Amino acid sequence: MSILEAGAHPPAAPAIETIEQSPTSIVLGPLPDEASGSMAVAQSLASALEALGANKLRAFLTALGIIIGVGAVIVMVSLGEGASAQVQQRLARLGTNLLTIQPGSARGPGNVRTGAGGAPTLTDQDAQAILKQVPGIQAVTSNLDAGNVQVVAGNQNWSTRVQANGPAVFSIQDWEMGQGQAFDQTDEDSSALVCDVGQTVATNLFPNGDAVGQRIMIRNVPFTIKGVLASKGSNGFQDQDDIILIPYSTGQLRLFHQSFVNDVYVQVASGQDMTQAQTAIEDLLRTRHHLTGTRPDDFRVQNNNQIIQTVQQTSDTMTYLLAGVAAVSLLVGGIGIMNIMLVSVTERTREIGIRMAVGARGGNILSQFLIEAILLSAVGGVIGILLGAGASYVLSKLAGWDTLITPQSVILAFGFAALVGVFFGYYPARKASQLDPIEALRYE
């Protein structure tokens, strides 16, 4: 009687542990049901690395789209952030937490209205009342601005802006001293004939020497230069260094001879609500100017922080637009990854069938091909970040453009690259995992 007739079973074949791989084949380790989750992932990673290593040139060309896309995003965002930071820095030089109060318009003959600032409605007493009665105010100064005045020093002369303010103007408008000293409260109280000049004025009136201590003539009134202001540069509208600051009392008594002021600068203390302070100032001035009911304001309050925020929002919009344009190349790179992964699935159909035949599950196949796509994107992302950072540095040094690479932009670019790998790699990976093992083995 044969063994089969006796009910005996033939000896079991030894379990298949590995299948050796050709340069484009898939490495098989322990069977999936014998491997833990971490081992399966490690095995898929090893298989993906070997598969990519077998076609280095193709892998590089596939990742090139991601490299260019990420690099372009880094460069564009760094340019946008650099421009934004430069604009913010220039606006900050005008003064932070600053409210500028200007007179309203006046009516002339024939009911013709002047522009803003045409009505003589603000006084230094208004400024002092704001400082004393409005809570949360750090500093206040009145401003008398004569516009451009011809200034003479020896055989040199220069037309510049002369501005009379209290000593608080240096903190309110963020002025620092480059040389010498700023005029102080003692100079203000004594109406001293002293001034502080900007770098542009000092350079043009005293091209060969130190301006501090020198005498200049402003409307035939002699002034002694007490200090030279540190350079602020241009704010986009005018040269901020082309200015002369004198004490308010001196300007009122010796140069301007007027009781009304051109502006009042108010600095709100840090942490205070700017809108609340502005409302309190408006209520106080309406009371002082006897404006009741629906009578319109005879003044205008301008919030510097609102201007800074508006410019910042515009700059952010431009940054996002530039990043969006650059991100299009990332999508093109993702399409390239999908295309190559589909080709890879077709080339390795028979090997996928062999792996499935010996026990690999669809999830194992899916993870391997998905890891390959993510690896391509991740490696391309890292190279793209380095390339973009290098290009930004070169632009800042050679072209003189302001660039700023932020951690957020790097994380955004790398994360988007990885997301592209997952999104465009999932379909080819799923297609590979759903192959019929029998049909795959028959594939030639």
Protein backbone atom coordinates (compact mmCIF):
# COMPACT_ATOMS: atom_id res chain seq x y z
CA MET A 1 0.00 0.00 0.00
CA SER A 2 1.34 3.38 -0.92
CA ILE A 3 2.03 6.16 1.50
CA LEU A 4 -0.88 8.18 0.15
CA GLU A 5 -3.27 5.27 0.54
CA ALA A 6 -2.22 4.99 4.20
CA GLY A 7 -3.29 8.58 4.77
CA ALA A 8 0.21 9.83 5.30
CA HIS A 9 1.17 13.27 4.08
CA PRO A 10 4.17 14.07 1.95
CA PRO A 11 6.99 15.86 3.72
CA ALA A 12 6.57 19.64 3.82
CA ALA A 13 8.86 21.71 1.64
CA PRO A 14 11.22 23.99 3.49
CA ALA A 15 10.00 27.57 3.91
CA ILE A 16 11.35 30.00 1.36
CA GLU A 17 13.21 32.76 3.20
CA THR A 18 14.85 34.86 0.49
CA ILE A 19 15.01 35.26 -3.22
CA GLU A 20 18.22 36.68 -4.59
CA GLN A 21 17.74 39.85 -6.63
CA SER A 22 19.07 40.93 -9.94
CA PRO A 23 19.97 44.63 -10.29
CA THR A 24 16.27 45.49 -10.68
CA SER A 25 14.67 42.77 -8.56
CA ILE A 26 13.02 42.97 -5.17
CA VAL A 27 14.81 41.65 -2.09
CA LEU A 28 12.70 39.32 0.01
CA GLY A 29 13.43 38.68 3.64
CA PRO A 30 11.28 36.70 6.06
CA LEU A 31 7.73 36.08 5.03
CA PRO A 32 5.37 38.94 5.93
CA ASP A 33 3.41 36.98 8.48
CA GLU A 34 6.68 36.09 10.24
CA ALA A 35 7.95 39.68 10.34
CA SER A 36 6.97 42.35 12.78
CA GLY A 37 5.68 45.75 11.60
CA SER A 38 9.01 47.50 12.12
CA MET A 39 10.88 44.70 10.36
CA ALA A 40 8.48 44.94 7.42
CA VAL A 41 9.06 48.67 7.10
CA ALA A 42 12.83 48.20 7.36
CA GLN A 43 12.67 45.50 4.72
CA SER A 44 10.60 47.71 2.41
CA LEU A 45 13.07 50.55 2.93
CA ALA A 46 16.02 48.33 2.09
CA SER A 47 14.26 47.08 -1.03
CA ALA A 48 13.41 50.63 -2.09
CA LEU A 49 17.00 51.80 -1.62
CA GLU A 50 18.38 48.90 -3.62
CA ALA A 51 15.85 49.44 -6.40
CA LEU A 52 16.71 53.14 -6.63
CA GLY A 53 20.43 52.38 -6.46
CA ALA A 54 20.11 50.02 -9.40
CA ASN A 55 18.94 52.96 -11.58
CA LYS A 56 20.87 55.91 -10.20
CA LEU A 57 20.65 58.13 -13.27
CA ARG A 58 16.92 57.59 -13.67
CA ALA A 59 16.37 58.24 -9.97
CA PHE A 60 18.36 61.49 -10.15
CA LEU A 61 16.52 62.73 -13.22
CA THR A 62 13.22 61.90 -11.52
CA ALA A 63 14.22 63.83 -8.39
CA LEU A 64 15.48 66.76 -10.47
CA GLY A 65 11.99 68.22 -10.76
CA ILE A 66 11.66 68.19 -6.97
CA ILE A 67 15.16 69.69 -6.57
CA ILE A 68 14.37 72.57 -8.90
CA GLY A 69 10.93 73.11 -7.35
CA VAL A 70 12.14 73.20 -3.75
CA GLY A 71 15.12 75.37 -4.67
CA ALA A 72 12.85 77.82 -6.48
CA VAL A 73 10.47 77.99 -3.51
CA ILE A 74 13.35 78.69 -1.11
CA VAL A 75 14.78 81.44 -3.35
CA MET A 76 11.42 83.11 -3.99
CA VAL A 77 10.35 83.03 -0.36
CA SER A 78 13.75 84.29 0.82
CA LEU A 79 13.52 87.21 -1.62
CA GLY A 80 10.01 88.02 -0.44
CA GLU A 81 10.94 87.74 3.24
CA GLY A 82 14.06 89.84 2.71
CA ALA A 83 12.09 92.59 1.01
CA SER A 84 9.46 92.44 3.75
CA ALA A 85 12.07 92.72 6.50
CA GLN A 86 13.71 95.68 4.75
CA VAL A 87 10.38 97.49 4.40
CA GLN A 88 9.54 96.83 8.05
CA GLN A 89 12.93 98.13 9.14
CA ARG A 90 12.47 101.33 7.18
CA LEU A 91 8.94 101.87 8.50
CA ALA A 92 10.11 101.21 12.06
CA ARG A 93 12.52 104.13 11.67
CA LEU A 94 9.50 106.41 11.39
CA GLY A 95 8.59 105.43 14.95
CA THR A 96 6.71 102.47 16.43
CA ASN A 97 3.46 102.73 18.40
CA LEU A 98 3.21 106.23 16.95
CA LEU A 99 0.07 108.31 16.48
CA THR A 100 0.45 111.42 14.32
CA ILE A 101 -2.16 114.11 14.84
CA GLN A 102 -2.57 116.63 12.04
CA PRO A 103 -4.85 119.69 11.77
CA GLY A 104 -7.96 119.41 9.63
CA SER A 105 -8.80 121.41 6.53
CA ALA A 106 -9.84 125.06 6.47
CA ARG A 107 -12.43 126.85 4.34
CA GLY A 108 -11.34 129.80 2.26
CA PRO A 109 -13.23 132.39 0.23
CA GLY A 110 -16.05 130.93 -1.81
CA ASN A 111 -16.27 127.95 0.57
CA VAL A 112 -13.08 126.50 -0.95
CA ARG A 113 -11.56 123.91 1.36
CA THR A 114 -7.82 123.44 1.83
CA GLY A 115 -6.22 120.05 2.15
CA ALA A 116 -5.48 118.18 5.38
CA GLY A 117 -3.33 120.27 7.71
CA GLY A 118 -4.60 123.57 6.33
CA ALA A 119 -6.51 124.65 9.45
CA PRO A 120 -4.58 126.14 12.41
CA THR A 121 -6.36 124.05 15.05
CA LEU A 122 -3.62 122.23 16.99
CA THR A 123 -1.54 123.80 19.73
CA ASP A 124 1.24 122.75 22.05
CA GLN A 125 -1.31 122.93 24.86
CA ASP A 126 -3.24 120.15 23.12
CA ALA A 127 -0.08 118.04 23.12
CA GLN A 128 0.53 118.62 26.84
CA ALA A 129 -3.12 117.79 27.64
CA ILE A 130 -2.79 114.47 25.80
CA LEU A 131 0.33 113.59 27.78
CA LYS A 132 -1.33 114.40 31.12
CA GLN A 133 -4.91 113.19 30.59
CA VAL A 134 -4.81 110.19 28.26
CA PRO A 135 -3.71 106.96 29.99
CA GLY A 136 -1.06 104.73 28.42
CA ILE A 137 0.85 107.56 26.69
CA GLN A 138 4.64 107.30 26.89
CA ALA A 139 5.77 110.51 25.21
CA VAL A 140 4.37 113.48 23.26
CA THR A 141 5.98 116.26 21.26
CA SER A 142 4.67 119.09 19.13
CA ASN A 143 6.17 119.62 15.71
CA LEU A 144 6.86 122.82 13.82
CA ASP A 145 8.05 122.16 10.29
CA ALA A 146 9.23 125.05 8.13
CA GLY A 147 9.78 122.88 5.12
CA ASN A 148 12.99 123.47 3.17
CA VAL A 149 15.19 126.32 4.45
CA GLN A 150 18.49 127.55 3.06
CA VAL A 151 21.19 126.91 5.66
CA VAL A 152 24.64 128.55 5.51
CA ALA A 153 27.91 127.40 7.08
CA GLY A 154 30.97 129.46 6.11
CA ASN A 155 31.20 129.34 2.33
CA GLN A 156 28.88 126.33 2.10
CA ASN A 157 25.09 126.32 1.90
CA TRP A 158 22.39 123.67 1.69
CA SER A 159 18.59 123.61 1.42
CA THR A 160 17.16 121.22 3.99
CA ARG A 161 14.14 120.56 6.19
CA VAL A 162 14.16 122.29 9.60
CA GLN A 163 11.94 120.75 12.28
CA ALA A 164 11.31 122.06 15.81
CA ASN A 165 10.37 119.47 18.45
CA GLY A 166 10.61 118.72 22.13
CA PRO A 167 13.39 116.42 23.37
CA ALA A 168 10.96 113.47 23.27
CA VAL A 169 11.25 113.44 19.47
CA PHE A 170 14.43 111.36 19.69
CA SER A 171 12.65 108.43 21.35
CA ILE A 172 9.36 108.90 19.49
CA GLN A 173 10.93 108.88 16.02
CA ASP A 174 13.70 106.46 16.95
CA TRP A 175 16.56 108.91 16.39
CA GLU A 176 20.02 107.88 17.60
CA MET A 177 23.13 110.02 17.80
CA GLY A 178 26.09 109.31 15.53
CA GLN A 179 28.27 112.05 17.05
CA GLY A 180 27.87 114.55 19.86
CA GLN A 181 24.70 114.88 21.92
CA ALA A 182 21.00 115.43 21.42
CA PHE A 183 19.48 118.64 22.75
CA ASP A 184 17.74 118.07 26.10
CA GLN A 185 15.08 119.55 28.35
CA THR A 186 17.50 122.20 29.59
CA ASP A 187 17.95 123.42 26.01
CA GLU A 188 14.17 123.34 25.57
CA ASP A 189 13.50 125.33 28.75
CA SER A 190 16.12 127.97 27.89
CA SER A 191 15.25 128.19 24.17
CA ALA A 192 18.91 127.49 23.41
CA LEU A 193 20.25 128.17 19.92
CA VAL A 194 21.42 124.60 19.38
CA CYS A 195 20.54 121.96 16.82
CA ASP A 196 21.18 118.38 15.73
CA VAL A 197 21.78 117.74 12.04
CA GLY A 198 21.34 114.68 9.84
CA GLN A 199 24.20 112.94 8.06
CA THR A 200 23.29 114.43 4.68
CA VAL A 201 23.35 117.98 6.06
CA ALA A 202 26.64 117.40 7.91
CA THR A 203 28.29 115.95 4.80
CA ASN A 204 27.22 118.83 2.54
CA LEU A 205 27.96 121.68 4.93
CA PHE A 206 31.17 120.26 6.42
CA PRO A 207 32.70 117.90 3.83
CA ASN A 208 36.19 118.12 5.31
CA GLY A 209 35.65 118.22 9.05
CA ASP A 210 33.66 117.41 12.16
CA ALA A 211 30.28 119.14 12.25
CA VAL A 212 29.87 118.97 16.05
CA GLY A 213 30.46 122.38 17.64
CA GLN A 214 30.31 124.24 14.31
CA ARG A 215 28.03 127.20 13.77
CA ILE A 216 25.41 127.43 11.03
CA MET A 217 22.92 130.15 10.03
CA ILE A 218 19.23 129.27 9.77
CA ARG A 219 17.21 132.25 8.50
CA ASN A 220 20.05 134.50 9.67
CA VAL A 221 19.84 133.08 13.19
CA PRO A 222 23.09 131.48 14.43
CA PHE A 223 22.83 127.91 15.74
CA THR A 224 25.52 125.70 17.22
CA ILE A 225 25.53 122.04 16.15
CA LYS A 226 25.29 119.92 19.28
CA GLY A 227 25.28 116.54 17.57
CA VAL A 228 24.99 114.62 14.30
CA LEU A 229 22.15 112.11 13.99
CA ALA A 230 22.86 108.47 13.13
CA SER A 231 21.93 107.65 9.56
CA LYS A 232 18.45 106.32 8.84
CA GLY A 233 18.63 106.33 5.04
CA SER A 234 15.61 106.71 2.80
CA ASN A 235 12.13 105.62 3.86
CA GLY A 236 11.05 105.28 0.25
CA PHE A 237 9.62 108.82 0.13
CA GLN A 238 12.46 111.09 1.25
CA ASP A 239 16.00 111.16 2.62
CA GLN A 240 15.49 110.98 6.38
CA ASP A 241 19.07 112.18 6.95
CA ASP A 242 18.39 115.49 5.20
CA ILE A 243 17.03 117.25 8.30
CA ILE A 244 17.87 119.64 11.13
CA LEU A 245 16.19 119.27 14.54
CA ILE A 246 15.97 122.24 16.91
CA PRO A 247 14.22 122.68 20.31
CA TYR A 248 10.52 123.45 20.02
CA SER A 249 10.65 126.62 22.12
CA THR A 250 13.60 127.91 20.09
CA GLY A 251 11.81 127.34 16.82
CA GLN A 252 8.62 128.97 18.04
CA LEU A 253 10.33 132.09 19.40
CA ARG A 254 13.21 132.61 16.94
CA LEU A 255 12.15 131.09 13.61
CA PHE A 256 8.44 130.34 13.20
CA HIS A 257 6.67 132.89 15.42
CA GLN A 258 3.39 131.00 15.52
CA SER A 259 1.22 129.54 18.25
CA PHE A 260 -0.21 126.67 16.19
CA VAL A 261 1.73 123.51 15.40
CA ASN A 262 1.97 121.44 12.22
CA ASP A 263 1.70 118.07 13.94
CA VAL A 264 1.61 116.36 17.31
CA TYR A 265 3.52 113.08 17.68
CA VAL A 266 2.21 110.70 20.35
CA GLN A 267 4.00 107.50 21.36
CA VAL A 268 1.78 104.93 23.04
CA ALA A 269 3.41 102.82 25.73
CA SER A 270 4.34 99.27 24.74
CA GLY A 271 1.52 96.80 25.40
CA GLN A 272 -1.22 99.44 25.32
CA ASP A 273 -4.12 99.24 22.88
CA MET A 274 -3.39 101.64 20.04
CA THR A 275 -7.04 101.87 18.96
CA GLN A 276 -8.19 102.61 22.50
CA ALA A 277 -5.56 105.33 22.89
CA GLN A 278 -6.55 106.84 19.55
CA THR A 279 -10.21 106.97 20.57
CA ALA A 280 -9.33 108.63 23.90
CA ILE A 281 -7.23 111.26 22.11
CA GLU A 282 -10.04 112.01 19.66
CA ASP A 283 -12.55 112.42 22.51
CA LEU A 284 -10.17 114.75 24.39
CA LEU A 285 -9.45 116.93 21.37
CA ARG A 286 -13.15 117.23 20.49
CA THR A 287 -13.80 118.42 24.03
CA ARG A 288 -10.90 120.91 23.95
CA HIS A 289 -11.93 122.24 20.53
CA HIS A 290 -15.61 122.49 21.58
CA LEU A 291 -16.81 120.10 18.91
CA THR A 292 -20.23 118.82 19.87
CA GLY A 293 -22.91 116.71 18.28
CA THR A 294 -22.30 115.88 14.63
CA ARG A 295 -19.73 118.59 14.01
CA PRO A 296 -16.79 117.00 12.15
CA ASP A 297 -13.32 116.73 13.64
CA ASP A 298 -10.96 119.62 12.91
CA PHE A 299 -8.00 117.23 13.20
CA ARG A 300 -6.92 113.84 11.88
CA VAL A 301 -5.21 111.01 13.78
CA GLN A 302 -2.97 108.66 11.80
CA ASN A 303 -1.85 105.33 13.24
CA ASN A 304 1.66 104.35 12.10
CA ASN A 305 1.13 100.73 13.12
CA GLN A 306 -1.79 100.49 10.70
CA ILE A 307 0.46 101.68 7.87
CA ILE A 308 3.11 99.13 8.87
CA GLN A 309 0.49 96.35 8.99
CA THR A 310 -0.89 97.32 5.58
CA VAL A 311 2.55 97.28 3.99
CA GLN A 312 3.31 93.98 5.74
CA GLN A 313 0.13 92.39 4.39
CA THR A 314 0.98 93.56 0.88
CA SER A 315 4.49 92.18 1.23
CA ASP A 316 3.17 88.85 2.55
CA THR A 317 0.80 88.60 -0.42
CA MET A 318 3.69 89.08 -2.83
CA THR A 319 5.74 86.46 -0.96
CA TYR A 320 2.92 83.92 -1.18
CA LEU A 321 2.44 84.71 -4.87
CA LEU A 322 6.13 84.11 -5.58
CA ALA A 323 6.09 80.88 -3.58
CA GLY A 324 2.95 79.72 -5.41
CA VAL A 325 4.55 80.29 -8.80
CA ALA A 326 7.64 78.36 -7.71
CA ALA A 327 5.49 75.54 -6.29
CA VAL A 328 4.16 74.80 -9.77
CA SER A 329 7.52 73.24 -10.61
CA LEU A 330 7.06 70.96 -7.59
CA LEU A 331 3.83 69.67 -9.09
CA VAL A 332 5.63 69.05 -12.37
CA GLY A 333 8.27 67.12 -10.43
CA GLY A 334 5.51 65.08 -8.77
CA ILE A 335 4.08 64.14 -12.14
CA GLY A 336 7.56 62.98 -13.13
CA ILE A 337 7.71 60.77 -10.03
CA MET A 338 4.34 59.21 -10.87
CA ASN A 339 5.42 58.56 -14.43
CA ILE A 340 8.68 56.84 -13.43
CA MET A 341 6.98 54.82 -10.70
CA LEU A 342 4.40 53.54 -13.19
CA VAL A 343 7.22 52.53 -15.51
CA SER A 344 8.96 50.83 -12.59
CA VAL A 345 5.82 48.85 -11.73
CA THR A 346 5.58 47.66 -15.33
CA GLU A 347 9.25 46.65 -15.46
CA ARG A 348 9.05 44.72 -12.19
CA THR A 349 5.68 43.05 -12.67
CA ARG A 350 7.12 39.52 -12.71
CA GLU A 351 9.21 40.15 -9.60
CA ILE A 352 6.13 41.51 -7.80
CA GLY A 353 4.31 38.30 -8.76
CA ILE A 354 7.16 36.17 -7.32
CA ARG A 355 7.07 38.07 -4.06
CA MET A 356 3.31 37.69 -3.78
CA ALA A 357 3.56 34.00 -4.62
CA VAL A 358 5.84 33.37 -1.62
CA GLY A 359 3.58 35.20 0.83
CA ALA A 360 4.06 38.95 0.49
CA ARG A 361 0.87 40.88 1.04
CA GLY A 362 -0.46 43.86 -0.88
CA GLY A 363 0.49 46.15 2.00
CA ASN A 364 4.14 45.10 1.70
CA ILE A 365 4.19 45.89 -2.01
CA LEU A 366 2.34 49.16 -1.42
CA SER A 367 4.77 50.29 1.29
CA GLN A 368 7.83 49.47 -0.80
CA PHE A 369 6.78 51.50 -3.83
CA LEU A 370 5.40 54.31 -1.67
CA ILE A 371 8.71 54.48 0.22
CA GLU A 372 10.55 54.70 -3.09
CA ALA A 373 8.45 57.72 -4.12
CA ILE A 374 8.89 59.40 -0.74
CA LEU A 375 12.64 58.79 -0.83
CA LEU A 376 12.87 60.44 -4.22
CA SER A 377 10.96 63.46 -2.94
CA ALA A 378 12.81 63.66 0.38
CA VAL A 379 16.28 63.44 -1.16
CA GLY A 380 15.25 65.93 -3.83
CA GLY A 381 13.87 68.20 -1.11
CA VAL A 382 17.10 68.19 0.89
CA ILE A 383 19.21 68.91 -2.20
CA GLY A 384 16.72 71.59 -3.27
CA ILE A 385 16.94 73.30 0.13
CA LEU A 386 20.74 73.39 -0.06
CA LEU A 387 20.59 74.63 -3.65
CA GLY A 388 18.02 77.31 -2.80
CA ALA A 389 20.01 78.51 0.22
CA GLY A 390 23.15 78.74 -1.90
CA ALA A 391 21.35 80.63 -4.66
CA SER A 392 19.89 83.07 -2.11
CA TYR A 393 23.34 83.71 -0.67
CA VAL A 394 24.79 84.33 -4.13
CA LEU A 395 21.97 86.76 -4.99
CA SER A 396 22.49 88.70 -1.77
CA LYS A 397 26.24 88.99 -2.36
CA LEU A 398 26.42 89.56 -6.10
CA ALA A 399 23.15 91.34 -6.87
CA GLY A 400 22.83 93.09 -3.50
CA TRP A 401 19.26 91.84 -3.01
CA ASP A 402 17.95 91.42 0.52
CA THR A 403 17.24 87.75 1.22
CA LEU A 404 16.05 86.06 4.40
CA ILE A 405 15.70 82.28 4.80
CA THR A 406 13.33 81.45 7.64
CA PRO A 407 12.85 78.02 9.28
CA GLN A 408 9.19 78.20 8.29
CA SER A 409 10.04 78.45 4.59
CA VAL A 410 12.42 75.47 4.82
CA ILE A 411 9.85 73.34 6.65
CA LEU A 412 7.14 74.40 4.19
CA ALA A 413 9.25 73.53 1.14
CA PHE A 414 10.41 70.16 2.51
CA GLY A 415 6.94 69.23 3.76
CA PHE A 416 5.37 70.09 0.42
CA ALA A 417 8.00 68.00 -1.37
CA ALA A 418 7.26 64.99 0.88
CA LEU A 419 3.53 65.49 0.34
CA VAL A 420 4.09 65.49 -3.43
CA GLY A 421 5.93 62.17 -3.08
CA VAL A 422 3.06 60.62 -1.13
CA PHE A 423 0.37 62.03 -3.40
CA PHE A 424 1.94 61.12 -6.73
CA GLY A 425 3.50 57.89 -5.50
CA TYR A 426 0.37 56.40 -4.00
CA TYR A 427 -1.37 55.48 -7.25
CA PRO A 428 1.57 53.54 -8.77
CA ALA A 429 2.18 51.83 -5.41
CA ARG A 430 -1.47 50.83 -5.09
CA LYS A 431 -1.50 49.60 -8.65
CA ALA A 432 1.49 47.38 -7.86
CA SER A 433 -0.14 46.04 -4.69
CA GLN A 434 -3.32 45.03 -6.57
CA LEU A 435 -1.58 42.95 -9.26
CA ASP A 436 -2.86 39.41 -9.67
CA PRO A 437 0.06 37.10 -8.67
CA ILE A 438 -0.75 34.54 -11.39
CA GLU A 439 -1.00 37.16 -14.12
CA ALA A 440 2.15 38.82 -12.81
CA LEU A 441 4.11 35.56 -12.99
CA ARG A 442 3.01 35.08 -16.59
CA TYR A 443 4.15 38.63 -17.48
CA GLU A 444 7.06 38.75 -19.92
